[in-house]
């Protein structure tokens, strides 16, 4: 049966989910302005109940608890106000729901953000007009085994940026063996290993000495952290590869961090396997700028003296 909507029928309700770092005064003020703009154009706004208590919001804004099944039901977009940590928190909601995320940077770098605080009016206009594109960013799935490749699975997780195996005790190195596609690569002691996506190549993996990988490239990265070894170089592998980090039984216990937000202690002799994630994170894009330009702008790279053709 085909449903025909007449001109007299009410327009479908449009809802935006807002996530903000309410510990920052700038985020509180930005959230207030953003909500006012969206409501003025007839859009509905939904926020988390614990954040609603810290925001000066009108009664029209619906507060929800994160445990509710319908937190993002009917939402067309997640707008995140904050720094990289808040954006990664928003990515958790985006991955679980499939709703695209639009980041407004209130922090220092904000590679995942699409706009800055001064762009709020334009953000409202573009959201109201649905004038944005959506791209999918690759994630990684993480499996922890208690022992070797045939060990019992004890934990599963995921990450948009990276999964890092790190030492738990500062005074001792973590002894690991790295593996790609079922074959050993190197054994070394150090602070740990970062397994990252192209999106995460500008985050922790970059700080550990890894390469910058353009988001359009499908690949996995393995970057040692402060390795005490002759060969412990960053590796870039196929997106179909399976990376593994085996913590040696005689070494102190390590910890697993996923996107710097979720952590779990690793049992002695643990094996951490990383593969391409089954579920991507969808990002809303306002700009068509090349990633090269974003890289230069975010890292404030010196390009004076360049004599190429203007873009």
Protein backbone atom coordinates (compact mmCIF):
# COMPACT_ATOMS: atom_id res chain seq x y z
CA UNK A 1 0.00 0.00 0.00
CA UNK A 2 1.31 3.45 -0.91
CA UNK A 3 0.85 6.29 1.54
CA UNK A 4 0.25 9.68 0.00
CA UNK A 5 1.02 12.77 2.07
CA UNK A 6 -1.12 15.80 1.25
CA UNK A 7 -0.07 19.40 1.67
CA UNK A 8 -2.32 19.61 4.72
CA UNK A 9 -0.56 16.76 6.52
CA UNK A 10 1.89 17.88 9.20
CA UNK A 11 5.55 17.71 8.30
CA UNK A 12 7.43 14.80 9.89
CA UNK A 13 9.16 15.66 13.15
CA UNK A 14 12.86 16.32 12.82
CA UNK A 15 15.07 15.67 15.85
CA UNK A 16 18.71 16.42 16.60
CA UNK A 17 20.59 14.79 19.47
CA UNK A 18 22.96 17.18 21.26
CA UNK A 19 26.01 16.06 23.22
CA UNK A 20 28.14 18.65 25.01
CA UNK A 21 31.05 18.88 27.42
CA UNK A 22 29.08 20.72 30.12
CA UNK A 23 32.21 21.17 32.23
CA UNK A 24 33.33 23.88 29.81
CA UNK A 25 31.58 27.27 29.98
CA UNK A 26 32.15 27.66 26.24
CA UNK A 27 30.26 24.42 25.59
CA UNK A 28 27.35 25.49 27.80
CA UNK A 29 26.99 28.80 25.97
CA UNK A 30 27.42 27.14 22.57
CA UNK A 31 24.78 24.54 23.42
CA UNK A 32 22.36 27.27 24.43
CA UNK A 33 22.86 29.13 21.14
CA UNK A 34 22.64 25.96 19.07
CA UNK A 35 19.41 24.84 20.73
CA UNK A 36 17.82 28.25 20.28
CA UNK A 37 18.66 28.21 16.58
CA UNK A 38 17.33 24.70 15.98
CA UNK A 39 14.10 25.29 17.92
CA UNK A 40 13.54 28.55 16.07
CA UNK A 41 13.48 26.59 12.80
CA UNK A 42 11.06 23.99 14.13
CA UNK A 43 13.51 21.18 14.88
CA UNK A 44 13.28 19.14 18.06
CA UNK A 45 16.30 18.69 20.33
CA UNK A 46 17.18 15.80 22.61
CA UNK A 47 19.92 15.77 25.28
CA UNK A 48 21.16 13.42 27.99
CA UNK A 49 19.50 13.94 31.36
CA UNK A 50 22.77 14.42 33.25
CA UNK A 51 23.83 17.14 30.79
CA UNK A 52 20.40 18.79 30.81
CA UNK A 53 20.87 19.66 34.49
CA UNK A 54 23.91 21.78 33.59
CA UNK A 55 22.43 23.50 30.54
CA UNK A 56 20.00 26.45 30.46
CA UNK A 57 17.53 24.74 28.13
CA UNK A 58 13.86 25.47 27.41
CA UNK A 59 11.18 22.95 28.35
CA UNK A 60 10.79 21.96 24.71
CA UNK A 61 14.10 20.07 24.87
CA UNK A 62 13.63 16.39 25.75
CA UNK A 63 16.03 14.88 28.30
CA UNK A 64 16.78 11.15 28.00
CA UNK A 65 18.85 8.65 29.96
CA UNK A 66 21.63 6.82 28.09
CA UNK A 67 20.24 3.46 29.22
CA UNK A 68 16.95 4.07 27.40
CA UNK A 69 16.49 1.99 24.26
CA UNK A 70 15.09 4.95 22.32
CA UNK A 71 17.87 7.44 23.12
CA UNK A 72 18.49 8.13 19.44
CA UNK A 73 15.30 6.74 17.95
CA UNK A 74 14.07 9.11 15.25
CA UNK A 75 17.14 11.37 15.42
CA UNK A 76 18.63 12.43 12.09
CA UNK A 77 21.89 13.83 13.44
CA UNK A 78 24.14 13.91 16.50
CA UNK A 79 25.75 17.31 17.12
CA UNK A 80 28.73 17.18 19.49
CA UNK A 81 30.18 20.26 21.20
CA UNK A 82 33.60 19.76 22.77
CA UNK A 83 37.15 18.56 22.29
CA UNK A 84 38.51 15.26 21.01
CA UNK A 85 37.36 13.33 24.10
CA UNK A 86 33.77 14.53 23.74
CA UNK A 87 33.83 13.75 20.03
CA UNK A 88 34.96 10.20 20.77
CA UNK A 89 32.15 9.92 23.28
CA UNK A 90 29.77 11.02 20.54
CA UNK A 91 31.24 8.36 18.26
CA UNK A 92 30.04 5.72 20.72
CA UNK A 93 26.45 6.91 20.23
CA UNK A 94 26.96 7.25 16.48
CA UNK A 95 28.27 3.71 16.06
CA UNK A 96 25.56 2.15 18.20
CA UNK A 97 22.74 3.94 16.38
CA UNK A 98 24.01 4.47 12.85
CA UNK A 99 23.12 8.17 13.18
CA UNK A 100 25.76 10.48 11.64
CA UNK A 101 27.77 12.74 13.96
CA UNK A 102 28.64 16.40 13.35
CA UNK A 103 31.43 17.72 15.58
CA UNK A 104 31.91 21.33 16.63
CA UNK A 105 35.42 21.76 18.02
CA UNK A 106 35.82 23.54 21.35
CA UNK A 107 39.18 21.96 22.11
CA UNK A 108 42.70 22.28 20.75
CA UNK A 109 42.99 20.17 17.59
CA UNK A 110 39.71 18.41 16.87
CA UNK A 111 40.49 16.36 13.76
CA UNK A 112 37.04 14.74 13.96
CA UNK A 113 35.27 18.10 14.16
CA UNK A 114 33.74 19.71 11.13
CA UNK A 115 33.21 23.21 12.50
CA UNK A 116 34.59 25.63 15.06
CA UNK A 117 32.76 27.54 17.78
CA UNK A 118 32.47 30.68 15.63
CA UNK A 119 30.58 28.67 12.99
CA UNK A 120 27.48 27.92 15.10
CA UNK A 121 25.09 30.03 13.02
CA UNK A 122 26.27 28.34 9.85
CA UNK A 123 26.01 24.92 11.50
CA UNK A 124 22.36 25.60 12.35
CA UNK A 125 21.64 26.75 8.80
CA UNK A 126 23.27 23.69 7.24
CA UNK A 127 21.54 21.29 9.63
CA UNK A 128 18.14 22.89 9.00
CA UNK A 129 18.67 22.71 5.23
CA UNK A 130 20.10 19.16 5.47
CA UNK A 131 23.06 20.62 3.59
CA UNK A 132 25.75 18.14 4.56
CA UNK A 133 27.24 14.92 3.30
CA UNK A 134 27.81 11.73 5.26
CA UNK A 135 30.95 9.63 5.06
CA UNK A 136 31.78 6.38 6.80
CA UNK A 137 34.93 6.03 8.86
CA UNK A 138 36.50 2.65 9.40
CA UNK A 139 36.62 1.27 12.95
CA UNK A 140 38.47 -1.66 14.53
CA UNK A 141 37.11 -4.58 16.51
CA UNK A 142 39.22 -5.81 19.42
CA UNK A 143 39.30 -9.28 20.97
CA UNK A 144 41.28 -10.21 24.09
CA UNK A 145 42.20 -13.86 24.58
CA UNK A 146 43.51 -15.45 27.75
CA UNK A 147 46.56 -17.07 26.21
CA UNK A 148 47.59 -17.80 22.60
CA UNK A 149 45.57 -17.80 19.39
CA UNK A 150 43.40 -20.65 20.69
CA UNK A 151 42.92 -19.04 24.10
CA UNK A 152 39.55 -18.31 25.62
CA UNK A 153 38.02 -14.93 24.64
CA UNK A 154 37.72 -12.78 27.76
CA UNK A 155 36.86 -9.32 26.41
CA UNK A 156 35.62 -7.61 23.25
CA UNK A 157 35.68 -3.93 22.35
CA UNK A 158 36.02 -1.54 19.43
CA UNK A 159 37.65 1.79 18.56
CA UNK A 160 37.39 4.59 16.04
CA UNK A 161 40.92 5.89 16.60
CA UNK A 162 43.02 3.19 18.22
CA UNK A 163 43.40 0.28 20.59
CA UNK A 164 46.58 0.46 22.63
CA UNK A 165 48.25 -2.26 24.68
CA UNK A 166 50.26 -0.50 27.39
CA UNK A 167 52.28 -1.29 30.47
CA UNK A 168 50.48 -0.91 33.76
CA UNK A 169 53.60 -0.26 35.85
CA UNK A 170 55.72 2.75 34.95
CA UNK A 171 58.97 1.32 36.31
CA UNK A 172 59.06 -1.82 34.10
CA UNK A 173 58.87 -2.45 30.38
CA UNK A 174 56.12 -4.50 28.78
CA UNK A 175 57.49 -7.46 26.79
CA UNK A 176 55.39 -8.18 23.71
CA UNK A 177 55.48 -10.13 20.45
CA UNK A 178 53.70 -8.47 17.52
CA UNK A 179 52.01 -10.47 14.80
CA UNK A 180 50.42 -9.76 11.40
CA UNK A 181 48.17 -12.28 9.63
CA UNK A 182 49.15 -15.15 11.90
CA UNK A 183 52.91 -14.66 11.56
CA UNK A 184 55.28 -13.12 14.15
CA UNK A 185 56.95 -9.83 13.29
CA UNK A 186 59.07 -8.79 16.26
CA UNK A 187 59.57 -9.18 19.99
CA UNK A 188 60.58 -6.19 22.07
CA UNK A 189 60.19 -4.46 25.41
CA UNK A 190 58.74 -0.99 25.68
CA UNK A 191 55.74 1.01 26.77
CA UNK A 192 53.35 -0.86 24.49
CA UNK A 193 51.81 -0.93 21.00
CA UNK A 194 49.15 1.17 19.27
CA UNK A 195 46.87 -0.44 16.67
CA UNK A 196 45.09 2.34 14.80
CA UNK A 197 42.76 3.22 11.94
CA UNK A 198 43.54 5.90 9.35
CA UNK A 199 41.27 8.21 11.38
CA UNK A 200 43.42 7.51 14.44
CA UNK A 201 46.69 8.04 12.58
CA UNK A 202 46.66 11.71 13.65
CA UNK A 203 46.00 10.85 17.31
CA UNK A 204 47.96 8.59 19.68
CA UNK A 205 49.63 6.70 16.83
CA UNK A 206 51.03 9.98 15.49
CA UNK A 207 52.42 10.90 18.92
CA UNK A 208 54.10 7.48 19.07
CA UNK A 209 55.89 8.12 15.77
CA UNK A 210 53.43 6.63 13.31
CA UNK A 211 52.64 7.98 9.83
CA UNK A 212 49.70 10.16 8.89
CA UNK A 213 47.32 8.13 6.72
CA UNK A 214 44.67 9.85 4.62
CA UNK A 215 41.13 8.86 5.72
CA UNK A 216 40.30 7.61 2.22
CA UNK A 217 43.02 4.96 2.54
CA UNK A 218 41.75 1.69 3.97
CA UNK A 219 44.50 0.28 6.16
CA UNK A 220 45.47 -0.77 9.67
CA UNK A 221 48.44 0.67 11.57
CA UNK A 222 50.68 -0.95 14.19
CA UNK A 223 52.94 1.51 16.02
CA UNK A 224 55.30 0.52 18.89
CA UNK A 225 55.45 2.90 21.87
CA UNK A 226 58.97 3.72 23.07
CA UNK A 227 60.28 0.32 22.01
CA UNK A 228 63.74 -0.75 23.22
CA UNK A 229 64.66 -2.61 20.05
CA UNK A 230 66.64 -2.37 16.82
CA UNK A 231 63.56 -3.08 14.69
CA UNK A 232 60.32 -1.74 16.03
CA UNK A 233 59.07 0.46 13.23
CA UNK A 234 55.49 1.49 12.45
CA UNK A 235 53.70 -0.86 10.07
CA UNK A 236 50.85 -0.15 7.65
CA UNK A 237 48.93 -3.26 6.64
CA UNK A 238 45.98 -4.29 4.53
CA UNK A 239 42.53 -3.55 6.00
CA UNK A 240 41.89 -7.28 5.75
CA UNK A 241 44.87 -8.10 7.97
CA UNK A 242 44.55 -9.29 11.55
CA UNK A 243 46.99 -7.65 13.96
CA UNK A 244 47.90 -9.27 17.26
CA UNK A 245 49.90 -8.24 20.30
CA UNK A 246 50.90 -11.01 22.71
CA UNK A 247 51.92 -9.92 26.19
CA UNK A 248 54.63 -12.29 27.40
CA UNK A 249 53.68 -14.34 30.51
CA UNK A 250 56.78 -13.33 32.50
CA UNK A 251 56.20 -9.60 32.03
CA UNK A 252 54.10 -7.41 34.34
CA UNK A 253 50.42 -7.23 33.43
CA UNK A 254 49.37 -4.72 30.81
CA UNK A 255 46.22 -2.74 30.11
CA UNK A 256 44.12 -2.29 27.00
CA UNK A 257 42.80 1.17 26.13
CA UNK A 258 40.24 1.76 23.39
CA UNK A 259 40.08 5.35 22.15
CA UNK A 260 41.50 6.42 25.51
CA UNK A 261 38.01 6.02 26.98
CA UNK A 262 37.48 2.37 27.82
CA UNK A 263 40.09 0.27 29.58
CA UNK A 264 40.50 -3.28 30.84
CA UNK A 265 43.36 -5.00 32.64
CA UNK A 266 45.07 -7.72 30.62
CA UNK A 267 45.71 -11.07 32.29
CA UNK A 268 49.24 -12.53 32.26
CA UNK A 269 50.05 -13.85 28.79
CA UNK A 270 47.07 -12.10 27.19
CA UNK A 271 46.70 -11.87 23.43
CA UNK A 272 44.98 -8.85 21.86
CA UNK A 273 43.66 -9.27 18.31
CA UNK A 274 42.66 -6.29 16.16
CA UNK A 275 40.76 -6.47 12.87
CA UNK A 276 38.67 -4.18 10.72
CA UNK A 277 35.45 -3.27 12.50
CA UNK A 278 32.15 -4.64 11.29
CA UNK A 279 30.35 -1.35 12.02
CA UNK A 280 31.68 2.03 10.80
CA UNK A 281 31.09 5.45 12.35
CA UNK A 282 29.21 7.89 10.12
CA UNK A 283 30.43 11.50 10.09
CA UNK A 284 28.49 14.48 8.74
CA UNK A 285 30.64 16.72 6.56
CA UNK A 286 30.07 20.41 5.81
CA UNK A 287 33.24 21.00 3.80
CA UNK A 288 34.79 19.58 0.66
CA UNK A 289 38.28 20.68 1.68
CA UNK A 290 41.11 18.27 0.97
CA UNK A 291 42.53 16.37 3.92
CA UNK A 292 45.89 17.98 3.10
CA UNK A 293 44.43 21.40 3.92
CA UNK A 294 42.84 20.07 7.11
CA UNK A 295 46.19 18.59 8.16
CA UNK A 296 48.00 21.88 7.58
CA UNK A 297 45.34 23.87 9.43
CA UNK A 298 44.97 21.56 12.44
CA UNK A 299 48.71 21.17 13.01
CA UNK A 300 49.52 24.75 11.96
CA UNK A 301 52.15 23.43 9.56
CA UNK A 302 54.49 26.02 7.97
CA UNK A 303 53.86 26.22 4.23
CA UNK A 304 55.23 29.70 3.46
CA UNK A 305 57.24 29.68 0.26
CA UNK A 306 55.05 27.15 -1.54
CA UNK A 307 54.82 27.98 -5.26
CA UNK A 308 52.16 25.52 -6.40
CA UNK A 309 49.04 26.43 -8.32
CA UNK A 310 46.25 28.01 -6.24
CA UNK A 311 43.41 25.60 -5.36
